PDB file of N, CA and C in Angstrom:
ATOM      1  N   MET A   1     -24.339 -76.071  63.227  1.00  0.00           N
ATOM      2  CA  MET A   1     -24.364 -76.082  61.730  1.00  0.00           C
ATOM      3  C   MET A   1     -23.125 -75.333  61.190  1.00  0.00           C
ATOM      4  N   ALA A   2     -22.554 -75.880  60.187  1.00  0.00           N
ATOM      5  CA  ALA A   2     -21.412 -75.246  59.496  1.00  0.00           C
ATOM      6  C   ALA A   2     -21.781 -74.005  58.765  1.00  0.00           C
ATOM      7  N   THR A   3     -20.995 -72.999  58.871  1.00  0.00           N
ATOM      8  CA  THR A   3     -21.198 -71.771  58.059  1.00  0.00           C
ATOM      9  C   THR A   3     -20.742 -72.011  56.623  1.00  0.00           C
ATOM     10  N   ARG A   4     -21.469 -71.497  55.671  1.00  0.00           N
ATOM     11  CA  ARG A   4     -21.143 -71.681  54.252  1.00  0.00           C
ATOM     12  C   ARG A   4     -20.495 -70.364  53.704  1.00  0.00           C
ATOM     13  N   LEU A   5     -19.415 -70.441  53.022  1.00  0.00           N
ATOM     14  CA  LEU A   5     -18.727 -69.297  52.384  1.00  0.00           C
ATOM     15  C   LEU A   5     -19.189 -69.353  50.944  1.00  0.00           C
ATOM     16  N   PRO A   6     -19.073 -68.258  50.235  1.00  0.00           N
ATOM     17  CA  PRO A   6     -19.281 -68.301  48.814  1.00  0.00           C
ATOM     18  C   PRO A   6     -18.383 -69.188  48.045  1.00  0.00           C
ATOM     19  N   LYS A   7     -18.864 -69.860  47.026  1.00  0.00           N
ATOM     20  CA  LYS A   7     -18.111 -70.828  46.237  1.00  0.00           C
ATOM     21  C   LYS A   7     -16.989 -70.030  45.571  1.00  0.00           C
ATOM     22  N   LEU A   8     -15.825 -70.545  45.525  1.00  0.00           N
ATOM     23  CA  LEU A   8     -14.698 -69.998  44.772  1.00  0.00           C
ATOM     24  C   LEU A   8     -14.900 -70.116  43.255  1.00  0.00           C
ATOM     25  N   PRO A   9     -14.533 -69.068  42.565  1.00  0.00           N
ATOM     26  CA  PRO A   9     -14.661 -69.172  41.030  1.00  0.00           C
ATOM     27  C   PRO A   9     -13.729 -70.270  40.516  1.00  0.00           C
ATOM     28  N   ASN A  10     -14.107 -70.816  39.393  1.00  0.00           N
ATOM     29  CA  ASN A  10     -13.276 -71.868  38.775  1.00  0.00           C
ATOM     30  C   ASN A  10     -11.899 -71.434  38.549  1.00  0.00           C
ATOM     31  N   ALA A  11     -11.659 -70.100  38.365  1.00  0.00           N
ATOM     32  CA  ALA A  11     -10.282 -69.626  38.003  1.00  0.00           C
ATOM     33  C   ALA A  11      -9.331 -69.894  39.074  1.00  0.00           C
ATOM     34  N   VAL A  12      -9.702 -70.087  40.371  1.00  0.00           N
ATOM     35  CA  VAL A  12      -8.843 -70.303  41.485  1.00  0.00           C
ATOM     36  C   VAL A  12      -9.125 -71.606  42.126  1.00  0.00           C
ATOM     37  N   ARG A  13     -10.157 -72.315  41.780  1.00  0.00           N
ATOM     38  CA  ARG A  13     -10.350 -73.642  42.433  1.00  0.00           C
ATOM     39  C   ARG A  13      -9.308 -74.646  41.996  1.00  0.00           C
ATOM     40  N   GLY A  14      -8.629 -75.170  42.992  1.00  0.00           N
ATOM     41  CA  GLY A  14      -7.579 -76.176  42.695  1.00  0.00           C
ATOM     42  C   GLY A  14      -6.267 -75.578  42.132  1.00  0.00           C
ATOM     43  N   LYS A  15      -6.178 -74.277  42.154  1.00  0.00           N
ATOM     44  CA  LYS A  15      -4.968 -73.588  41.681  1.00  0.00           C
ATOM     45  C   LYS A  15      -3.916 -73.592  42.747  1.00  0.00           C
ATOM     46  N   ASP A  16      -2.722 -73.989  42.425  1.00  0.00           N
ATOM     47  CA  ASP A  16      -1.609 -73.954  43.331  1.00  0.00           C
ATOM     48  C   ASP A  16      -0.948 -72.561  43.382  1.00  0.00           C
ATOM     49  N   TYR A  17      -0.525 -72.199  44.604  1.00  0.00           N
ATOM     50  CA  TYR A  17       0.095 -70.882  44.742  1.00  0.00           C
ATOM     51  C   TYR A  17       1.632 -71.162  44.926  1.00  0.00           C
ATOM     52  N   ILE A  18       2.349 -70.882  43.898  1.00  0.00           N
ATOM     53  CA  ILE A  18       3.802 -71.119  43.898  1.00  0.00           C
ATOM     54  C   ILE A  18       4.462 -69.686  43.962  1.00  0.00           C
ATOM     55  N   GLU A  19       4.100 -68.837  43.059  1.00  0.00           N
ATOM     56  CA  GLU A  19       4.655 -67.504  43.010  1.00  0.00           C
ATOM     57  C   GLU A  19       3.484 -66.485  42.763  1.00  0.00           C
ATOM     58  N   THR A  20       3.618 -65.247  43.294  1.00  0.00           N
ATOM     59  CA  THR A  20       2.684 -64.285  43.144  1.00  0.00           C
ATOM     60  C   THR A  20       2.386 -63.920  41.688  1.00  0.00           C
ATOM     61  N   LYS A  21       3.456 -63.931  40.890  1.00  0.00           N
ATOM     62  CA  LYS A  21       3.324 -63.616  39.481  1.00  0.00           C
ATOM     63  C   LYS A  21       2.445 -64.465  38.693  1.00  0.00           C
ATOM     64  N   ASP A  22       2.166 -65.656  39.264  1.00  0.00           N
ATOM     65  CA  ASP A  22       1.300 -66.681  38.591  1.00  0.00           C
ATOM     66  C   ASP A  22      -0.210 -66.325  38.801  1.00  0.00           C
ATOM     67  N   TRP A  23      -0.494 -65.435  39.628  1.00  0.00           N
ATOM     68  CA  TRP A  23      -1.912 -65.050  39.927  1.00  0.00           C
ATOM     69  C   TRP A  23      -2.223 -63.648  39.543  1.00  0.00           C
ATOM     70  N   THR A  24      -3.402 -63.331  39.142  1.00  0.00           N
ATOM     71  CA  THR A  24      -3.836 -61.933  38.879  1.00  0.00           C
ATOM     72  C   THR A  24      -4.090 -61.219  40.212  1.00  0.00           C
ATOM     73  N   VAL A  25      -4.130 -59.891  40.070  1.00  0.00           N
ATOM     74  CA  VAL A  25      -4.397 -59.120  41.284  1.00  0.00           C
ATOM     75  C   VAL A  25      -5.789 -59.526  41.868  1.00  0.00           C
ATOM     76  N   LYS A  26      -6.764 -59.701  40.974  1.00  0.00           N
ATOM     77  CA  LYS A  26      -8.083 -60.110  41.387  1.00  0.00           C
ATOM     78  C   LYS A  26      -8.049 -61.523  42.092  1.00  0.00           C
ATOM     79  N   GLU A  27      -7.319 -62.358  41.604  1.00  0.00           N
ATOM     80  CA  GLU A  27      -7.270 -63.697  42.250  1.00  0.00           C
ATOM     81  C   GLU A  27      -6.581 -63.602  43.628  1.00  0.00           C
ATOM     82  N   LEU A  28      -5.513 -62.811  43.665  1.00  0.00           N
ATOM     83  CA  LEU A  28      -4.884 -62.628  45.012  1.00  0.00           C
ATOM     84  C   LEU A  28      -5.758 -61.951  46.029  1.00  0.00           C
ATOM     85  N   GLU A  29      -6.460 -60.919  45.592  1.00  0.00           N
ATOM     86  CA  GLU A  29      -7.449 -60.254  46.478  1.00  0.00           C
ATOM     87  C   GLU A  29      -8.520 -61.224  47.024  1.00  0.00           C
ATOM     88  N   LEU A  30      -9.037 -62.060  46.111  1.00  0.00           N
ATOM     89  CA  LEU A  30     -10.017 -63.091  46.510  1.00  0.00           C
ATOM     90  C   LEU A  30      -9.511 -64.072  47.518  1.00  0.00           C
ATOM     91  N   ALA A  31      -8.264 -64.468  47.297  1.00  0.00           N
ATOM     92  CA  ALA A  31      -7.629 -65.503  48.178  1.00  0.00           C
ATOM     93  C   ALA A  31      -7.437 -64.862  49.547  1.00  0.00           C
ATOM     94  N   LEU A  32      -6.968 -63.579  49.556  1.00  0.00           N
ATOM     95  CA  LEU A  32      -6.752 -62.951  50.888  1.00  0.00           C
ATOM     96  C   LEU A  32      -8.110 -62.622  51.580  1.00  0.00           C
ATOM     97  N   LYS A  33      -9.058 -62.211  50.853  1.00  0.00           N
ATOM     98  CA  LYS A  33     -10.419 -61.967  51.409  1.00  0.00           C
ATOM     99  C   LYS A  33     -10.979 -63.291  51.991  1.00  0.00           C
ATOM    100  N   THR A  34     -10.847 -64.401  51.257  1.00  0.00           N
ATOM    101  CA  THR A  34     -11.378 -65.658  51.764  1.00  0.00           C
ATOM    102  C   THR A  34     -10.596 -66.110  53.043  1.00  0.00           C
ATOM    103  N   ALA A  35      -9.318 -65.915  52.991  1.00  0.00           N
ATOM    104  CA  ALA A  35      -8.499 -66.273  54.180  1.00  0.00           C
ATOM    105  C   ALA A  35      -8.894 -65.459  55.377  1.00  0.00           C
ATOM    106  N   GLY A  36      -9.135 -64.209  55.165  1.00  0.00           N
ATOM    107  CA  GLY A  36      -9.625 -63.359  56.290  1.00  0.00           C
ATOM    108  C   GLY A  36     -10.993 -63.838  56.835  1.00  0.00           C
ATOM    109  N   GLU A  37     -11.916 -64.222  55.977  1.00  0.00           N
ATOM    110  CA  GLU A  37     -13.206 -64.711  56.376  1.00  0.00           C
ATOM    111  C   GLU A  37     -13.029 -66.002  57.205  1.00  0.00           C
ATOM    112  N   LEU A  38     -12.193 -66.899  56.699  1.00  0.00           N
ATOM    113  CA  LEU A  38     -11.887 -68.163  57.454  1.00  0.00           C
ATOM    114  C   LEU A  38     -11.302 -67.937  58.782  1.00  0.00           C
ATOM    115  N   LYS A  39     -10.457 -66.956  58.914  1.00  0.00           N
ATOM    116  CA  LYS A  39      -9.840 -66.630  60.162  1.00  0.00           C
ATOM    117  C   LYS A  39     -10.859 -66.037  61.169  1.00  0.00           C
ATOM    118  N   LYS A  40     -11.796 -65.190  60.685  1.00  0.00           N
ATOM    119  CA  LYS A  40     -12.880 -64.635  61.533  1.00  0.00           C
ATOM    120  C   LYS A  40     -13.705 -65.744  62.084  1.00  0.00           C
ATOM    121  N   MET A  41     -14.085 -66.772  61.183  1.00  0.00           N
ATOM    122  CA  MET A  41     -14.944 -67.799  61.578  1.00  0.00           C
ATOM    123  C   MET A  41     -14.180 -68.715  62.606  1.00  0.00           C
ATOM    124  N   PHE A  42     -12.871 -68.915  62.430  1.00  0.00           N
ATOM    125  CA  PHE A  42     -12.120 -69.706  63.350  1.00  0.00           C
ATOM    126  C   PHE A  42     -12.126 -69.042  64.788  1.00  0.00           C
ATOM    127  N   ARG A  43     -11.910 -67.759  64.804  1.00  0.00           N
ATOM    128  CA  ARG A  43     -11.841 -66.991  66.052  1.00  0.00           C
ATOM    129  C   ARG A  43     -13.233 -67.085  66.754  1.00  0.00           C
ATOM    130  N   LYS A  44     -14.310 -67.115  66.035  1.00  0.00           N
ATOM    131  CA  LYS A  44     -15.659 -67.197  66.551  1.00  0.00           C
ATOM    132  C   LYS A  44     -16.045 -68.652  66.911  1.00  0.00           C
ATOM    133  N   GLY A  45     -15.239 -69.571  66.533  1.00  0.00           N
ATOM    134  CA  GLY A  45     -15.530 -71.002  66.848  1.00  0.00           C
ATOM    135  C   GLY A  45     -16.661 -71.575  65.811  1.00  0.00           C
ATOM    136  N   LYS A  46     -16.841 -70.855  64.707  1.00  0.00           N
ATOM    137  CA  LYS A  46     -17.781 -71.361  63.697  1.00  0.00           C
ATOM    138  C   LYS A  46     -17.243 -72.406  62.811  1.00  0.00           C
ATOM    139  N   PRO A  47     -17.770 -73.615  62.793  1.00  0.00           N
ATOM    140  CA  PRO A  47     -17.234 -74.635  61.842  1.00  0.00           C
ATOM    141  C   PRO A  47     -17.598 -74.311  60.473  1.00  0.00           C
ATOM    142  N   HIS A  48     -16.882 -74.869  59.492  1.00  0.00           N
ATOM    143  CA  HIS A  48     -17.179 -74.767  58.104  1.00  0.00           C
ATOM    144  C   HIS A  48     -16.719 -76.032  57.377  1.00  0.00           C
ATOM    145  N   ARG A  49     -17.178 -76.198  56.147  1.00  0.00           N
ATOM    146  CA  ARG A  49     -16.790 -77.289  55.315  1.00  0.00           C
ATOM    147  C   ARG A  49     -16.227 -76.738  54.012  1.00  0.00           C
ATOM    148  N   TYR A  50     -15.400 -75.681  54.148  1.00  0.00           N
ATOM    149  CA  TYR A  50     -14.848 -74.996  52.981  1.00  0.00           C
ATOM    150  C   TYR A  50     -13.761 -75.828  52.309  1.00  0.00           C
ATOM    151  N   LEU A  51     -12.993 -76.551  53.080  1.00  0.00           N
ATOM    152  CA  LEU A  51     -11.886 -77.377  52.575  1.00  0.00           C
ATOM    153  C   LEU A  51     -12.015 -78.805  53.077  1.00  0.00           C
ATOM    154  N   PRO A  52     -13.136 -79.455  52.755  1.00  0.00           N
ATOM    155  CA  PRO A  52     -13.406 -80.816  53.302  1.00  0.00           C
ATOM    156  C   PRO A  52     -12.297 -81.822  52.852  1.00  0.00           C
ATOM    157  N   ASP A  53     -11.851 -82.534  53.834  1.00  0.00           N
ATOM    158  CA  ASP A  53     -10.929 -83.648  53.625  1.00  0.00           C
ATOM    159  C   ASP A  53      -9.605 -83.150  52.874  1.00  0.00           C
ATOM    160  N   LYS A  54      -9.212 -81.934  53.115  1.00  0.00           N
ATOM    161  CA  LYS A  54      -7.977 -81.388  52.454  1.00  0.00           C
ATOM    162  C   LYS A  54      -6.906 -81.293  53.511  1.00  0.00           C
ATOM    163  N   THR A  55      -5.662 -81.353  53.004  1.00  0.00           N
ATOM    164  CA  THR A  55      -4.504 -81.163  53.892  1.00  0.00           C
ATOM    165  C   THR A  55      -3.717 -79.980  53.251  1.00  0.00           C
ATOM    166  N   ALA A  56      -3.361 -79.112  54.169  1.00  0.00           N
ATOM    167  CA  ALA A  56      -2.538 -77.927  53.719  1.00  0.00           C
ATOM    168  C   ALA A  56      -1.090 -78.034  54.055  1.00  0.00           C
ATOM    169  N   PHE A  57      -0.206 -77.637  53.249  1.00  0.00           N
ATOM    170  CA  PHE A  57       1.199 -77.674  53.525  1.00  0.00           C
ATOM    171  C   PHE A  57       1.711 -76.320  53.437  1.00  0.00           C
ATOM    172  N   LEU A  58       2.507 -75.896  54.443  1.00  0.00           N
ATOM    173  CA  LEU A  58       3.056 -74.561  54.516  1.00  0.00           C
ATOM    174  C   LEU A  58       4.513 -74.754  54.595  1.00  0.00           C
ATOM    175  N   PHE A  59       5.260 -73.919  53.883  1.00  0.00           N
ATOM    176  CA  PHE A  59       6.720 -74.054  53.900  1.00  0.00           C
ATOM    177  C   PHE A  59       7.263 -72.696  54.514  1.00  0.00           C
ATOM    178  N   PHE A  60       8.085 -72.878  55.602  1.00  0.00           N
ATOM    179  CA  PHE A  60       8.714 -71.645  56.151  1.00  0.00           C
ATOM    180  C   PHE A  60      10.165 -71.844  56.179  1.00  0.00           C
ATOM    181  N   PHE A  61      10.914 -70.860  55.991  1.00  0.00           N
ATOM    182  CA  PHE A  61      12.384 -70.918  55.949  1.00  0.00           C
ATOM    183  C   PHE A  61      13.079 -70.412  57.143  1.00  0.00           C
ATOM    184  N   ASP A  62      12.360 -69.725  58.073  1.00  0.00           N
ATOM    185  CA  ASP A  62      12.842 -69.314  59.326  1.00  0.00           C
ATOM    186  C   ASP A  62      12.561 -70.503  60.394  1.00  0.00           C
ATOM    187  N   LYS A  63      13.623 -70.902  61.069  1.00  0.00           N
ATOM    188  CA  LYS A  63      13.457 -72.003  61.960  1.00  0.00           C
ATOM    189  C   LYS A  63      12.392 -71.869  63.036  1.00  0.00           C
ATOM    190  N   SER A  64      12.272 -70.655  63.611  1.00  0.00           N
ATOM    191  CA  SER A  64      11.252 -70.521  64.692  1.00  0.00           C
ATOM    192  C   SER A  64       9.862 -70.607  64.145  1.00  0.00           C
ATOM    193  N   THR A  65       9.646 -70.058  62.924  1.00  0.00           N
ATOM    194  CA  THR A  65       8.316 -70.197  62.281  1.00  0.00           C
ATOM    195  C   THR A  65       7.937 -71.550  61.953  1.00  0.00           C
ATOM    196  N   ARG A  66       8.879 -72.339  61.408  1.00  0.00           N
ATOM    197  CA  ARG A  66       8.724 -73.712  60.952  1.00  0.00           C
ATOM    198  C   ARG A  66       8.375 -74.553  62.232  1.00  0.00           C
ATOM    199  N   THR A  67       9.060 -74.362  63.318  1.00  0.00           N
ATOM    200  CA  THR A  67       8.844 -75.156  64.490  1.00  0.00           C
ATOM    201  C   THR A  67       7.499 -74.879  65.060  1.00  0.00           C
ATOM    202  N   ARG A  68       7.055 -73.592  65.143  1.00  0.00           N
ATOM    203  CA  ARG A  68       5.818 -73.232  65.650  1.00  0.00           C
ATOM    204  C   ARG A  68       4.689 -73.822  64.779  1.00  0.00           C
ATOM    205  N   ASN A  69       4.802 -73.732  63.438  1.00  0.00           N
ATOM    206  CA  ASN A  69       3.857 -74.278  62.537  1.00  0.00           C
ATOM    207  C   ASN A  69       3.748 -75.827  62.708  1.00  0.00           C
ATOM    208  N   SER A  70       4.798 -76.495  62.849  1.00  0.00           N
ATOM    209  CA  SER A  70       4.790 -77.941  63.021  1.00  0.00           C
ATOM    210  C   SER A  70       4.077 -78.338  64.285  1.00  0.00           C
ATOM    211  N   PHE A  71       4.384 -77.568  65.375  1.00  0.00           N
ATOM    212  CA  PHE A  71       3.680 -77.820  66.599  1.00  0.00           C
ATOM    213  C   PHE A  71       2.154 -77.597  66.530  1.00  0.00           C
ATOM    214  N   GLU A  72       1.788 -76.463  65.920  1.00  0.00           N
ATOM    215  CA  GLU A  72       0.336 -76.246  65.690  1.00  0.00           C
ATOM    216  C   GLU A  72      -0.394 -77.251  64.830  1.00  0.00           C
ATOM    217  N   ALA A  73       0.295 -77.679  63.802  1.00  0.00           N
ATOM    218  CA  ALA A  73      -0.263 -78.659  62.913  1.00  0.00           C
ATOM    219  C   ALA A  73      -0.438 -79.995  63.592  1.00  0.00           C
ATOM    220  N   GLY A  74       0.435 -80.361  64.482  1.00  0.00           N
ATOM    221  CA  GLY A  74       0.330 -81.604  65.208  1.00  0.00           C
ATOM    222  C   GLY A  74      -0.805 -81.604  66.216  1.00  0.00           C
ATOM    223  N   LEU A  75      -1.281 -80.376  66.583  1.00  0.00           N
ATOM    224  CA  LEU A  75      -2.373 -80.342  67.572  1.00  0.00           C
ATOM    225  C   LEU A  75      -3.757 -80.330  66.909  1.00  0.00           C
ATOM    226  N   THR A  76      -3.769 -80.107  65.573  1.00  0.00           N
ATOM    227  CA  THR A  76      -5.043 -80.023  64.877  1.00  0.00           C
ATOM    228  C   THR A  76      -5.483 -81.357  64.300  1.00  0.00           C
TER     229      THR A  76
END
């Protein structure tokens, strides 16, 4: 059974992260806390439906990081 996380407040639902200055401290803290919880669940092998049918894009400017990310994304 999938683990359920608390629902994100409307203030951050669907909000794009382009620059830190576009988010309040409270919104950034919530995003980091949620990311931490998702990471813990992943490590424990607990499935979730927090981002159903969504695709994430990450941009890296360091070649080694970009290559590693591309490789990992291709495996999932």
